[in-house]
Each structure stands twice: as C-alpha cells, then as structure tokens.
Amino acid sequence: MQNAAQAYGAVARQIANPRELEADLLLRAASQLQAVYDRWEGKPSELDVALRYNRKLWSIFLSAVTSPEHALPAAIRQNVANLGLFVMNQTVSLLKEPKREQLRSLININRELAAGLLGRA
C-alpha cells in the first residue's frame, strides 16, 4: 500500500502546478519550524533539521529568482531575493544563538509567501 502512495505522490508532484508545489514546500517548512517552536525547550534537536530544510528550500528560490531568465518581473524577483537573504541571515543567527521568537518570522514569511502563491493573500 505504501508503494502505491509513494507512486501517487511522485506522479502528483510531476503534474502539479509549479506555484502549488512551491506553496506546498513552503508550508511544509513552516510546519516543521512551527513544531520546533511549539516544543521549544532550550534548543530542541529538531531545530537543526527544520532550519536545514528551510535553508535548502530558500537556496533554491534564491538561485531561481536571481537567474536573468526567470519569468517574474525584476521587482518581484528582487523582493523574493531580499526575503531569501533575510531568511538566510535569520537562519545563521538561530544556529549561533537559538531564540524561540526568531522562528516566528521564518514561519510567517513561509506561510505568507505560500498564501500569495495560492492566491490567498
């Protein structure tokens, strides 16, 4: 049964609207960060995993929007790049000195961008 679910998931990802896929990934990252926030006791072990996933996701976004061939208008690409740089700086700060409240900004950015991608903003 699990093989069927995995196969379905792989096909769904291949045919999904790119905006929906990006939104899904942002919401997944936000969910991981929210779980860490909710279970915060000093520095939970899940913090590094959640931050790494979010950083990889934003690295991909940054790489895409800084490409001159990207279809988005330059102003929007610049805004996404600025958000990406903020996310990277927050991540480094959290890795150096974990503070629960700093997670809120990362969670909110991911959720808001996902809502925009899904046309809910």
C-alpha atoms as a PDB file:
ATOM      1  CA  MET A   1       0.000   0.000   0.000  1.00  0.00           C
ATOM      2  CA  GLN A   2       2.826   2.388   0.806  1.00  0.00           C
ATOM      3  CA  ASN A   3       4.370   1.828  -2.642  1.00  0.00           C
ATOM      4  CA  ALA A   4       1.100   2.910  -4.236  1.00  0.00           C
ATOM      5  CA  ALA A   5       1.016   6.053  -2.096  1.00  0.00           C
ATOM      6  CA  GLN A   6       4.625   6.840  -2.983  1.00  0.00           C
ATOM      7  CA  ALA A   7       3.932   6.316  -6.674  1.00  0.00           C
ATOM      8  CA  TYR A   8       0.868   8.547  -6.492  1.00  0.00           C
ATOM      9  CA  GLY A   9       2.885  11.230  -4.702  1.00  0.00           C
ATOM     10  CA  ALA A  10       5.617  11.099  -7.333  1.00  0.00           C
ATOM     11  CA  VAL A  11       3.108  11.475 -10.168  1.00  0.00           C
ATOM     12  CA  ALA A  12       1.262  14.253  -8.359  1.00  0.00           C
ATOM     13  CA  ARG A  13       4.499  16.192  -7.957  1.00  0.00           C
ATOM     14  CA  GLN A  14       5.284  15.794 -11.644  1.00  0.00           C
ATOM     15  CA  ILE A  15       1.950  17.168 -12.817  1.00  0.00           C
ATOM     16  CA  ALA A  16       1.356  19.720 -10.055  1.00  0.00           C
ATOM     17  CA  ASN A  17       1.202  23.381 -10.835  1.00  0.00           C
ATOM     18  CA  PRO A  18       4.673  24.807 -10.007  1.00  0.00           C
ATOM     19  CA  ARG A  19       3.132  27.534  -7.828  1.00  0.00           C
ATOM     20  CA  GLU A  20       1.188  24.919  -5.859  1.00  0.00           C
ATOM     21  CA  LEU A  21       4.309  22.812  -5.440  1.00  0.00           C
ATOM     22  CA  GLU A  22       6.308  25.805  -4.189  1.00  0.00           C
ATOM     23  CA  ALA A  23       3.493  26.711  -1.802  1.00  0.00           C
ATOM     24  CA  ASP A  24       3.346  23.120  -0.536  1.00  0.00           C
ATOM     25  CA  LEU A  25       7.090  23.111   0.140  1.00  0.00           C
ATOM     26  CA  LEU A  26       6.898  26.462   1.953  1.00  0.00           C
ATOM     27  CA  LEU A  27       4.017  25.201   4.083  1.00  0.00           C
ATOM     28  CA  ARG A  28       5.928  22.012   4.873  1.00  0.00           C
ATOM     29  CA  ALA A  29       8.930  24.080   6.011  1.00  0.00           C
ATOM     30  CA  ALA A  30       6.666  26.355   8.066  1.00  0.00           C
ATOM     31  CA  SER A  31       5.076  23.303   9.676  1.00  0.00           C
ATOM     32  CA  GLN A  32       8.467  21.890  10.674  1.00  0.00           C
ATOM     33  CA  LEU A  33       9.524  25.239  12.139  1.00  0.00           C
ATOM     34  CA  GLN A  34       6.173  25.564  13.944  1.00  0.00           C
ATOM     35  CA  ALA A  35       6.632  22.114  15.506  1.00  0.00           C
ATOM     36  CA  VAL A  36      10.018  23.193  16.856  1.00  0.00           C
ATOM     37  CA  TYR A  37       8.506  26.443  18.132  1.00  0.00           C
ATOM     38  CA  ASP A  38       5.678  24.583  19.873  1.00  0.00           C
ATOM     39  CA  ARG A  39       8.033  22.101  21.592  1.00  0.00           C
ATOM     40  CA  TRP A  40      10.747  24.619  22.449  1.00  0.00           C
ATOM     41  CA  GLU A  41      12.834  23.743  25.491  1.00  0.00           C
ATOM     42  CA  GLY A  42      16.184  25.476  25.134  1.00  0.00           C
ATOM     43  CA  LYS A  43      17.291  24.144  21.748  1.00  0.00           C
ATOM     44  CA  PRO A  44      15.290  21.209  20.501  1.00  0.00           C
ATOM     45  CA  SER A  45      17.107  18.635  18.422  1.00  0.00           C
ATOM     46  CA  GLU A  46      14.668  19.189  15.563  1.00  0.00           C
ATOM     47  CA  LEU A  47      15.796  22.813  15.186  1.00  0.00           C
ATOM     48  CA  ASP A  48      18.802  21.977  13.028  1.00  0.00           C
ATOM     49  CA  VAL A  49      16.758  19.672  10.782  1.00  0.00           C
ATOM     50  CA  ALA A  50      13.970  22.227  10.312  1.00  0.00           C
ATOM     51  CA  LEU A  51      16.422  25.065   9.651  1.00  0.00           C
ATOM     52  CA  ARG A  52      18.405  22.962   7.181  1.00  0.00           C
ATOM     53  CA  TYR A  53      15.260  22.062   5.220  1.00  0.00           C
ATOM     54  CA  ASN A  54      14.143  25.697   5.149  1.00  0.00           C
ATOM     55  CA  ARG A  55      17.611  26.883   4.128  1.00  0.00           C
ATOM     56  CA  LYS A  56      17.781  24.386   1.245  1.00  0.00           C
ATOM     57  CA  LEU A  57      14.354  25.445   0.045  1.00  0.00           C
ATOM     58  CA  TRP A  58      15.265  29.129   0.139  1.00  0.00           C
ATOM     59  CA  SER A  59      18.597  28.437  -1.548  1.00  0.00           C
ATOM     60  CA  ILE A  60      16.657  27.007  -4.472  1.00  0.00           C
ATOM     61  CA  PHE A  61      14.322  30.013  -4.529  1.00  0.00           C
ATOM     62  CA  LEU A  62      17.263  32.420  -4.408  1.00  0.00           C
ATOM     63  CA  SER A  63      19.019  30.604  -7.194  1.00  0.00           C
ATOM     64  CA  ALA A  64      15.897  30.660  -9.350  1.00  0.00           C
ATOM     65  CA  VAL A  65      14.891  34.297  -8.842  1.00  0.00           C
ATOM     66  CA  THR A  66      18.386  35.632  -9.393  1.00  0.00           C
ATOM     67  CA  SER A  67      18.550  33.983 -12.793  1.00  0.00           C
ATOM     68  CA  PRO A  68      18.127  36.553 -15.582  1.00  0.00           C
ATOM     69  CA  GLU A  69      15.925  34.064 -17.458  1.00  0.00           C
ATOM     70  CA  HIS A  70      13.328  33.908 -14.654  1.00  0.00           C
ATOM     71  CA  ALA A  71       9.858  34.883 -15.897  1.00  0.00           C
ATOM     72  CA  LEU A  72       8.847  37.045 -12.919  1.00  0.00           C
ATOM     73  CA  PRO A  73       9.213  40.817 -13.211  1.00  0.00           C
ATOM     74  CA  ALA A  74      12.501  42.168 -11.864  1.00  0.00           C
ATOM     75  CA  ALA A  75      10.852  43.979  -8.924  1.00  0.00           C
ATOM     76  CA  ILE A  76       9.156  40.803  -7.671  1.00  0.00           C
ATOM     77  CA  ARG A  77      12.345  38.795  -8.145  1.00  0.00           C
ATOM     78  CA  GLN A  78      14.199  41.425  -6.097  1.00  0.00           C
ATOM     79  CA  ASN A  79      11.606  41.235  -3.307  1.00  0.00           C
ATOM     80  CA  VAL A  80      11.861  37.440  -3.155  1.00  0.00           C
ATOM     81  CA  ALA A  81      15.675  37.687  -3.174  1.00  0.00           C
ATOM     82  CA  ASN A  82      15.538  40.169  -0.284  1.00  0.00           C
ATOM     83  CA  LEU A  83      13.279  37.830   1.673  1.00  0.00           C
ATOM     84  CA  GLY A  84      15.665  34.976   0.917  1.00  0.00           C
ATOM     85  CA  LEU A  85      18.634  36.934   2.238  1.00  0.00           C
ATOM     86  CA  PHE A  86      16.684  37.761   5.392  1.00  0.00           C
ATOM     87  CA  VAL A  87      15.797  34.076   5.828  1.00  0.00           C
ATOM     88  CA  MET A  88      19.458  33.090   5.423  1.00  0.00           C
ATOM     89  CA  ASN A  89      20.589  35.699   7.971  1.00  0.00           C
ATOM     90  CA  GLN A  90      17.917  34.623  10.456  1.00  0.00           C
ATOM     91  CA  THR A  91      18.967  31.007   9.993  1.00  0.00           C
ATOM     92  CA  VAL A  92      22.618  31.771  10.741  1.00  0.00           C
ATOM     93  CA  SER A  93      21.566  33.777  13.774  1.00  0.00           C
ATOM     94  CA  LEU A  94      19.389  30.927  15.060  1.00  0.00           C
ATOM     95  CA  LEU A  95      22.145  28.393  14.562  1.00  0.00           C
ATOM     96  CA  LYS A  96      24.570  30.549  16.545  1.00  0.00           C
ATOM     97  CA  GLU A  97      22.190  31.554  19.297  1.00  0.00           C
ATOM     98  CA  PRO A  98      18.823  29.782  19.255  1.00  0.00           C
ATOM     99  CA  LYS A  99      15.932  32.032  20.276  1.00  0.00           C
ATOM    100  CA  ARG A 100      12.402  30.746  20.051  1.00  0.00           C
ATOM    101  CA  GLU A 101      10.867  34.062  18.993  1.00  0.00           C
ATOM    102  CA  GLN A 102      13.141  34.327  15.931  1.00  0.00           C
ATOM    103  CA  LEU A 103      11.363  31.309  14.475  1.00  0.00           C
ATOM    104  CA  ARG A 104       8.125  33.321  14.191  1.00  0.00           C
ATOM    105  CA  SER A 105       9.473  35.476  11.356  1.00  0.00           C
ATOM    106  CA  LEU A 106      10.590  32.436   9.337  1.00  0.00           C
ATOM    107  CA  ILE A 107       7.254  30.706   9.898  1.00  0.00           C
ATOM    108  CA  ASN A 108       5.297  33.811   8.902  1.00  0.00           C
ATOM    109  CA  ILE A 109       7.371  34.503   5.782  1.00  0.00           C
ATOM    110  CA  ASN A 110       6.860  30.946   4.546  1.00  0.00           C
ATOM    111  CA  ARG A 111       3.130  30.992   5.251  1.00  0.00           C
ATOM    112  CA  GLU A 112       2.569  34.414   3.684  1.00  0.00           C
ATOM    113  CA  LEU A 113       4.528  33.576   0.550  1.00  0.00           C
ATOM    114  CA  ALA A 114       2.647  30.272   0.232  1.00  0.00           C
ATOM    115  CA  ALA A 115      -0.664  32.126   0.576  1.00  0.00           C
ATOM    116  CA  GLY A 116       0.421  34.512  -2.168  1.00  0.00           C
ATOM    117  CA  LEU A 117       1.378  31.649  -4.443  1.00  0.00           C
ATOM    118  CA  LEU A 118      -2.020  30.065  -3.876  1.00  0.00           C
ATOM    119  CA  GLY A 119      -3.822  33.358  -4.482  1.00  0.00           C
ATOM    120  CA  ARG A 120      -4.990  33.705  -0.875  1.00  0.00           C
ATOM    121  CA  ALA A 121      -3.057  36.837   0.041  1.00  0.00           C
END
